[in-house]
């Protein structure tokens, strides 16, 4: 069971990294580290779907991490 959760965490972490990189569109390496300071735009369409998917994957990763701690 621990091996399954570990494999799930690896898959979720790769997905999370990919989703975060997709969200920083065209701003180079400064995007994920605060490159667009002071600007706010409403997310629509695919951008909103990717944002929501990132949140879901992050929550799943969090709960899989907790499950990893509880299972011995």
PDB file of N, CA and C in Angstrom:
ATOM      1  N   UNK A   1       0.817  -1.195   0.000  1.00  0.00           N
ATOM      2  CA  UNK A   1       0.000   0.000   0.000  1.00  0.00           C
ATOM      3  C   UNK A   1       0.861   1.259   0.000  1.00  0.00           C
ATOM      4  N   UNK A   2       1.962   1.197   0.739  1.00  0.00           N
ATOM      5  CA  UNK A   2       2.847   2.350   0.808  1.00  0.00           C
ATOM      6  C   UNK A   2       3.483   2.631  -0.557  1.00  0.00           C
ATOM      7  N   UNK A   3       3.746   1.566  -1.317  1.00  0.00           N
ATOM      8  CA  UNK A   3       4.332   1.722  -2.645  1.00  0.00           C
ATOM      9  C   UNK A   3       3.350   2.397  -3.597  1.00  0.00           C
ATOM     10  N   UNK A   4       2.073   2.066  -3.482  1.00  0.00           N
ATOM     11  CA  UNK A   4       1.057   2.671  -4.335  1.00  0.00           C
ATOM     12  C   UNK A   4       0.940   4.164  -4.047  1.00  0.00           C
ATOM     13  N   UNK A   5       0.947   4.523  -2.781  1.00  0.00           N
ATOM     14  CA  UNK A   5       0.849   5.937  -2.409  1.00  0.00           C
ATOM     15  C   UNK A   5       2.095   6.695  -2.848  1.00  0.00           C
ATOM     16  N   UNK A   6       3.248   6.063  -2.739  1.00  0.00           N
ATOM     17  CA  UNK A   6       4.483   6.708  -3.186  1.00  0.00           C
ATOM     18  C   UNK A   6       4.449   6.946  -4.692  1.00  0.00           C
ATOM     19  N   UNK A   7       3.987   5.969  -5.452  1.00  0.00           N
ATOM     20  CA  UNK A   7       3.874   6.129  -6.901  1.00  0.00           C
ATOM     21  C   UNK A   7       2.873   7.234  -7.239  1.00  0.00           C
ATOM     22  N   UNK A   8       1.761   7.292  -6.488  1.00  0.00           N
ATOM     23  CA  UNK A   8       0.770   8.337  -6.690  1.00  0.00           C
ATOM     24  C   UNK A   8       1.364   9.717  -6.409  1.00  0.00           C
ATOM     25  N   UNK A   9       2.168   9.826  -5.365  1.00  0.00           N
ATOM     26  CA  UNK A   9       2.807  11.099  -5.044  1.00  0.00           C
ATOM     27  C   UNK A   9       3.772  11.537  -6.140  1.00  0.00           C
ATOM     28  N   UNK A  10       4.496  10.608  -6.715  1.00  0.00           N
ATOM     29  CA  UNK A  10       5.424  10.949  -7.790  1.00  0.00           C
ATOM     30  C   UNK A  10       4.656  11.463  -8.999  1.00  0.00           C
ATOM     31  N   UNK A  11       3.574  10.773  -9.353  1.00  0.00           N
ATOM     32  CA  UNK A  11       2.753  11.195 -10.493  1.00  0.00           C
ATOM     33  C   UNK A  11       2.129  12.567 -10.236  1.00  0.00           C
ATOM     34  N   UNK A  12       1.599  12.760  -9.025  1.00  0.00           N
ATOM     35  CA  UNK A  12       0.977  14.039  -8.687  1.00  0.00           C
ATOM     36  C   UNK A  12       1.997  15.173  -8.664  1.00  0.00           C
ATOM     37  N   UNK A  13       3.204  14.906  -8.183  1.00  0.00           N
ATOM     38  CA  UNK A  13       4.216  15.967  -8.138  1.00  0.00           C
ATOM     39  C   UNK A  13       4.657  16.372  -9.539  1.00  0.00           C
ATOM     40  N   UNK A  14       4.798  15.407 -10.444  1.00  0.00           N
ATOM     41  CA  UNK A  14       5.157  15.739 -11.826  1.00  0.00           C
ATOM     42  C   UNK A  14       4.031  16.527 -12.487  1.00  0.00           C
ATOM     43  N   UNK A  15       2.784  16.111 -12.243  1.00  0.00           N
ATOM     44  CA  UNK A  15       1.632  16.834 -12.796  1.00  0.00           C
ATOM     45  C   UNK A  15       1.559  18.253 -12.240  1.00  0.00           C
ATOM     46  N   UNK A  16       1.816  18.408 -10.952  1.00  0.00           N
ATOM     47  CA  UNK A  16       1.763  19.721 -10.322  1.00  0.00           C
ATOM     48  C   UNK A  16       2.833  20.650 -10.885  1.00  0.00           C
ATOM     49  N   UNK A  17       4.029  20.134 -11.065  1.00  0.00           N
ATOM     50  CA  UNK A  17       5.109  20.936 -11.652  1.00  0.00           C
ATOM     51  C   UNK A  17       4.729  21.371 -13.065  1.00  0.00           C
ATOM     52  N   UNK A  18       4.208  20.431 -13.857  1.00  0.00           N
ATOM     53  CA  UNK A  18       3.809  20.762 -15.221  1.00  0.00           C
ATOM     54  C   UNK A  18       2.708  21.801 -15.275  1.00  0.00           C
ATOM     55  N   UNK A  19       1.708  21.665 -14.406  1.00  0.00           N
ATOM     56  CA  UNK A  19       0.604  22.627 -14.385  1.00  0.00           C
ATOM     57  C   UNK A  19       1.065  24.013 -13.965  1.00  0.00           C
ATOM     58  N   UNK A  20       1.992  24.088 -13.034  1.00  0.00           N
ATOM     59  CA  UNK A  20       2.508  25.386 -12.596  1.00  0.00           C
ATOM     60  C   UNK A  20       3.316  26.039 -13.714  1.00  0.00           C
ATOM     61  N   UNK A  21       4.096  25.251 -14.425  1.00  0.00           N
ATOM     62  CA  UNK A  21       4.882  25.796 -15.535  1.00  0.00           C
ATOM     63  C   UNK A  21       3.961  26.273 -16.659  1.00  0.00           C
ATOM     64  N   UNK A  22       2.889  25.542 -16.928  1.00  0.00           N
ATOM     65  CA  UNK A  22       1.939  25.948 -17.973  1.00  0.00           C
ATOM     66  C   UNK A  22       1.287  27.287 -17.634  1.00  0.00           C
ATOM     67  N   UNK A  23       1.043  27.529 -16.357  1.00  0.00           N
ATOM     68  CA  UNK A  23       0.370  28.760 -15.955  1.00  0.00           C
ATOM     69  C   UNK A  23       1.221  29.995 -16.155  1.00  0.00           C
ATOM     70  N   UNK A  24       2.530  29.879 -16.082  1.00  0.00           N
ATOM     71  CA  UNK A  24       3.394  31.051 -16.260  1.00  0.00           C
ATOM     72  C   UNK A  24       3.680  31.215 -17.748  1.00  0.00           C
ATOM     73  N   UNK A  25       2.770  31.835 -18.457  1.00  0.00           N
ATOM     74  CA  UNK A  25       2.823  31.921 -19.906  1.00  0.00           C
ATOM     75  C   UNK A  25       3.707  33.072 -20.394  1.00  0.00           C
ATOM     76  N   UNK A  26       4.753  32.731 -21.090  1.00  0.00           N
ATOM     77  CA  UNK A  26       5.552  33.710 -21.797  1.00  0.00           C
ATOM     78  C   UNK A  26       6.281  34.737 -20.960  1.00  0.00           C
ATOM     79  N   UNK A  27       6.552  34.479 -19.720  1.00  0.00           N
ATOM     80  CA  UNK A  27       7.265  35.460 -18.904  1.00  0.00           C
ATOM     81  C   UNK A  27       8.633  34.952 -18.466  1.00  0.00           C
ATOM     82  N   UNK A  28       9.058  33.835 -19.016  1.00  0.00           N
ATOM     83  CA  UNK A  28      10.363  33.302 -18.668  1.00  0.00           C
ATOM     84  C   UNK A  28      10.400  32.743 -17.257  1.00  0.00           C
ATOM     85  N   UNK A  29      11.571  32.736 -16.670  1.00  0.00           N
ATOM     86  CA  UNK A  29      11.718  32.180 -15.331  1.00  0.00           C
ATOM     87  C   UNK A  29      11.230  33.115 -14.238  1.00  0.00           C
ATOM     88  N   UNK A  30      11.014  34.370 -14.550  1.00  0.00           N
ATOM     89  CA  UNK A  30      10.570  35.291 -13.502  1.00  0.00           C
ATOM     90  C   UNK A  30       9.095  35.120 -13.168  1.00  0.00           C
ATOM     91  N   UNK A  31       8.319  34.479 -14.032  1.00  0.00           N
ATOM     92  CA  UNK A  31       6.883  34.300 -13.804  1.00  0.00           C
ATOM     93  C   UNK A  31       6.547  33.541 -12.544  1.00  0.00           C
ATOM     94  N   UNK A  32       7.088  32.319 -12.367  1.00  0.00           N
ATOM     95  CA  UNK A  32       6.751  31.572 -11.157  1.00  0.00           C
ATOM     96  C   UNK A  32       7.278  32.209  -9.878  1.00  0.00           C
ATOM     97  N   UNK A  33       8.230  33.127 -10.008  1.00  0.00           N
ATOM     98  CA  UNK A  33       8.843  33.727  -8.828  1.00  0.00           C
ATOM     99  C   UNK A  33       8.433  35.178  -8.649  1.00  0.00           C
ATOM    100  N   UNK A  34       7.268  35.558  -9.146  1.00  0.00           N
ATOM    101  CA  UNK A  34       6.742  36.905  -8.914  1.00  0.00           C
ATOM    102  C   UNK A  34       7.066  37.882 -10.011  1.00  0.00           C
ATOM    103  N   UNK A  35       7.133  37.458 -11.240  1.00  0.00           N
ATOM    104  CA  UNK A  35       7.492  38.335 -12.342  1.00  0.00           C
ATOM    105  C   UNK A  35       6.439  39.368 -12.685  1.00  0.00           C
ATOM    106  N   UNK A  36       5.156  39.085 -12.438  1.00  0.00           N
ATOM    107  CA  UNK A  36       4.099  40.028 -12.775  1.00  0.00           C
ATOM    108  C   UNK A  36       3.565  40.680 -11.505  1.00  0.00           C
ATOM    109  N   UNK A  37       4.299  41.576 -10.960  1.00  0.00           N
ATOM    110  CA  UNK A  37       3.879  42.231  -9.724  1.00  0.00           C
ATOM    111  C   UNK A  37       2.898  43.355 -10.035  1.00  0.00           C
ATOM    112  N   UNK A  38       1.854  43.442  -9.259  1.00  0.00           N
ATOM    113  CA  UNK A  38       0.934  44.553  -9.369  1.00  0.00           C
ATOM    114  C   UNK A  38      -0.120  44.423 -10.450  1.00  0.00           C
ATOM    115  N   UNK A  39      -0.141  43.333 -11.182  1.00  0.00           N
ATOM    116  CA  UNK A  39      -1.165  43.175 -12.211  1.00  0.00           C
ATOM    117  C   UNK A  39      -2.116  42.061 -11.809  1.00  0.00           C
ATOM    118  N   UNK A  40      -3.380  42.255 -12.165  1.00  0.00           N
ATOM    119  CA  UNK A  40      -4.393  41.247 -11.863  1.00  0.00           C
ATOM    120  C   UNK A  40      -5.287  41.098 -13.078  1.00  0.00           C
ATOM    121  N   UNK A  41      -5.529  39.873 -13.474  1.00  0.00           N
ATOM    122  CA  UNK A  41      -6.429  39.637 -14.593  1.00  0.00           C
ATOM    123  C   UNK A  41      -7.352  38.476 -14.248  1.00  0.00           C
ATOM    124  N   UNK A  42      -8.564  38.531 -14.780  1.00  0.00           N
ATOM    125  CA  UNK A  42      -9.533  37.476 -14.546  1.00  0.00           C
ATOM    126  C   UNK A  42      -9.214  36.295 -15.442  1.00  0.00           C
ATOM    127  N   UNK A  43      -9.262  35.099 -14.870  1.00  0.00           N
ATOM    128  CA  UNK A  43      -8.974  33.896 -15.642  1.00  0.00           C
ATOM    129  C   UNK A  43     -10.255  33.407 -16.298  1.00  0.00           C
ATOM    130  N   UNK A  44     -10.143  33.042 -17.583  1.00  0.00           N
ATOM    131  CA  UNK A  44     -11.306  32.553 -18.314  1.00  0.00           C
ATOM    132  C   UNK A  44     -10.901  31.359 -19.157  1.00  0.00           C
ATOM    133  N   UNK A  45     -11.856  30.515 -19.446  1.00  0.00           N
ATOM    134  CA  UNK A  45     -11.657  29.405 -20.374  1.00  0.00           C
ATOM    135  C   UNK A  45     -10.640  28.393 -19.889  1.00  0.00           C
ATOM    136  N   UNK A  46      -9.689  28.102 -20.763  1.00  0.00           N
ATOM    137  CA  UNK A  46      -8.679  27.085 -20.469  1.00  0.00           C
ATOM    138  C   UNK A  46      -7.803  27.507 -19.296  1.00  0.00           C
ATOM    139  N   UNK A  47      -7.515  28.795 -19.213  1.00  0.00           N
ATOM    140  CA  UNK A  47      -6.681  29.300 -18.120  1.00  0.00           C
ATOM    141  C   UNK A  47      -7.328  29.026 -16.760  1.00  0.00           C
ATOM    142  N   UNK A  48      -8.640  29.195 -16.683  1.00  0.00           N
ATOM    143  CA  UNK A  48      -9.358  28.926 -15.442  1.00  0.00           C
ATOM    144  C   UNK A  48      -9.382  27.428 -15.139  1.00  0.00           C
ATOM    145  N   UNK A  49      -9.550  26.612 -16.184  1.00  0.00           N
ATOM    146  CA  UNK A  49      -9.567  25.162 -16.002  1.00  0.00           C
ATOM    147  C   UNK A  49      -8.211  24.660 -15.503  1.00  0.00           C
ATOM    148  N   UNK A  50      -7.130  25.199 -16.059  1.00  0.00           N
ATOM    149  CA  UNK A  50      -5.793  24.796 -15.619  1.00  0.00           C
ATOM    150  C   UNK A  50      -5.557  25.232 -14.179  1.00  0.00           C
ATOM    151  N   UNK A  51      -6.033  26.416 -13.830  1.00  0.00           N
ATOM    152  CA  UNK A  51      -5.898  26.902 -12.456  1.00  0.00           C
ATOM    153  C   UNK A  51      -6.655  26.007 -11.475  1.00  0.00           C
ATOM    154  N   UNK A  52      -7.886  25.657 -11.829  1.00  0.00           N
ATOM    155  CA  UNK A  52      -8.674  24.777 -10.962  1.00  0.00           C
ATOM    156  C   UNK A  52      -8.051  23.392 -10.863  1.00  0.00           C
ATOM    157  N   UNK A  53      -7.532  22.871 -11.968  1.00  0.00           N
ATOM    158  CA  UNK A  53      -6.880  21.566 -11.965  1.00  0.00           C
ATOM    159  C   UNK A  53      -5.626  21.588 -11.088  1.00  0.00           C
ATOM    160  N   UNK A  54      -4.899  22.702 -11.105  1.00  0.00           N
ATOM    161  CA  UNK A  54      -3.712  22.836 -10.257  1.00  0.00           C
ATOM    162  C   UNK A  54      -4.098  22.756  -8.782  1.00  0.00           C
ATOM    163  N   UNK A  55      -5.178  23.407  -8.417  1.00  0.00           N
ATOM    164  CA  UNK A  55      -5.644  23.379  -7.031  1.00  0.00           C
ATOM    165  C   UNK A  55      -6.050  21.960  -6.635  1.00  0.00           C
ATOM    166  N   UNK A  56      -6.758  21.273  -7.516  1.00  0.00           N
ATOM    167  CA  UNK A  56      -7.194  19.905  -7.232  1.00  0.00           C
ATOM    168  C   UNK A  56      -6.000  18.976  -7.057  1.00  0.00           C
ATOM    169  N   UNK A  57      -5.022  19.085  -7.952  1.00  0.00           N
ATOM    170  CA  UNK A  57      -3.833  18.229  -7.871  1.00  0.00           C
ATOM    171  C   UNK A  57      -3.046  18.542  -6.601  1.00  0.00           C
ATOM    172  N   UNK A  58      -2.955  19.809  -6.219  1.00  0.00           N
ATOM    173  CA  UNK A  58      -2.238  20.176  -4.995  1.00  0.00           C
ATOM    174  C   UNK A  58      -2.927  19.600  -3.757  1.00  0.00           C
ATOM    175  N   UNK A  59      -4.255  19.646  -3.730  1.00  0.00           N
ATOM    176  CA  UNK A  59      -5.000  19.089  -2.601  1.00  0.00           C
ATOM    177  C   UNK A  59      -4.820  17.572  -2.543  1.00  0.00           C
ATOM    178  N   UNK A  60      -4.882  16.909  -3.702  1.00  0.00           N
ATOM    179  CA  UNK A  60      -4.654  15.462  -3.742  1.00  0.00           C
ATOM    180  C   UNK A  60      -3.252  15.106  -3.263  1.00  0.00           C
ATOM    181  N   UNK A  61      -2.263  15.917  -3.653  1.00  0.00           N
ATOM    182  CA  UNK A  61      -0.893  15.679  -3.204  1.00  0.00           C
ATOM    183  C   UNK A  61      -0.787  15.838  -1.690  1.00  0.00           C
ATOM    184  N   UNK A  62      -1.465  16.839  -1.148  1.00  0.00           N
ATOM    185  CA  UNK A  62      -1.455  17.067   0.291  1.00  0.00           C
ATOM    186  C   UNK A  62      -2.032  15.863   1.035  1.00  0.00           C
ATOM    187  N   UNK A  63      -3.195  15.384   0.573  1.00  0.00           N
ATOM    188  CA  UNK A  63      -3.824  14.255   1.253  1.00  0.00           C
ATOM    189  C   UNK A  63      -3.036  12.954   1.060  1.00  0.00           C
ATOM    190  N   UNK A  64      -2.380  12.808  -0.077  1.00  0.00           N
ATOM    191  CA  UNK A  64      -1.544  11.612  -0.250  1.00  0.00           C
ATOM    192  C   UNK A  64      -0.324  11.671   0.665  1.00  0.00           C
ATOM    193  N   UNK A  65       0.164  12.877   0.928  1.00  0.00           N
ATOM    194  CA  UNK A  65       1.273  13.018   1.874  1.00  0.00           C
ATOM    195  C   UNK A  65       0.842  12.655   3.289  1.00  0.00           C
ATOM    196  N   UNK A  66      -0.368  13.078   3.670  1.00  0.00           N
ATOM    197  CA  UNK A  66      -0.888  12.706   4.975  1.00  0.00           C
ATOM    198  C   UNK A  66      -1.102  11.186   5.062  1.00  0.00           C
ATOM    199  N   UNK A  67      -1.607  10.598   3.998  1.00  0.00           N
ATOM    200  CA  UNK A  67      -1.817   9.143   3.990  1.00  0.00           C
ATOM    201  C   UNK A  67      -0.486   8.405   4.115  1.00  0.00           C
ATOM    202  N   UNK A  68       0.544   8.948   3.497  1.00  0.00           N
ATOM    203  CA  UNK A  68       1.876   8.349   3.589  1.00  0.00           C
ATOM    204  C   UNK A  68       2.356   8.335   5.046  1.00  0.00           C
ATOM    205  N   UNK A  69       2.030   9.372   5.797  1.00  0.00           N
ATOM    206  CA  UNK A  69       2.428   9.433   7.201  1.00  0.00           C
ATOM    207  C   UNK A  69       1.644   8.437   8.059  1.00  0.00           C
ATOM    208  N   UNK A  70       0.360   8.293   7.763  1.00  0.00           N
ATOM    209  CA  UNK A  70      -0.489   7.454   8.598  1.00  0.00           C
ATOM    210  C   UNK A  70      -0.300   5.967   8.357  1.00  0.00           C
ATOM    211  N   UNK A  71       0.041   5.574   7.140  1.00  0.00           N
ATOM    212  CA  UNK A  71       0.199   4.154   6.820  1.00  0.00           C
ATOM    213  C   UNK A  71       1.594   3.704   7.187  1.00  0.00           C
ATOM    214  N   UNK A  72       1.661   2.645   7.947  1.00  0.00           N
ATOM    215  CA  UNK A  72       2.975   2.141   8.399  1.00  0.00           C
ATOM    216  C   UNK A  72       3.300   0.837   7.734  1.00  0.00           C
TER     217      UNK A  72
END
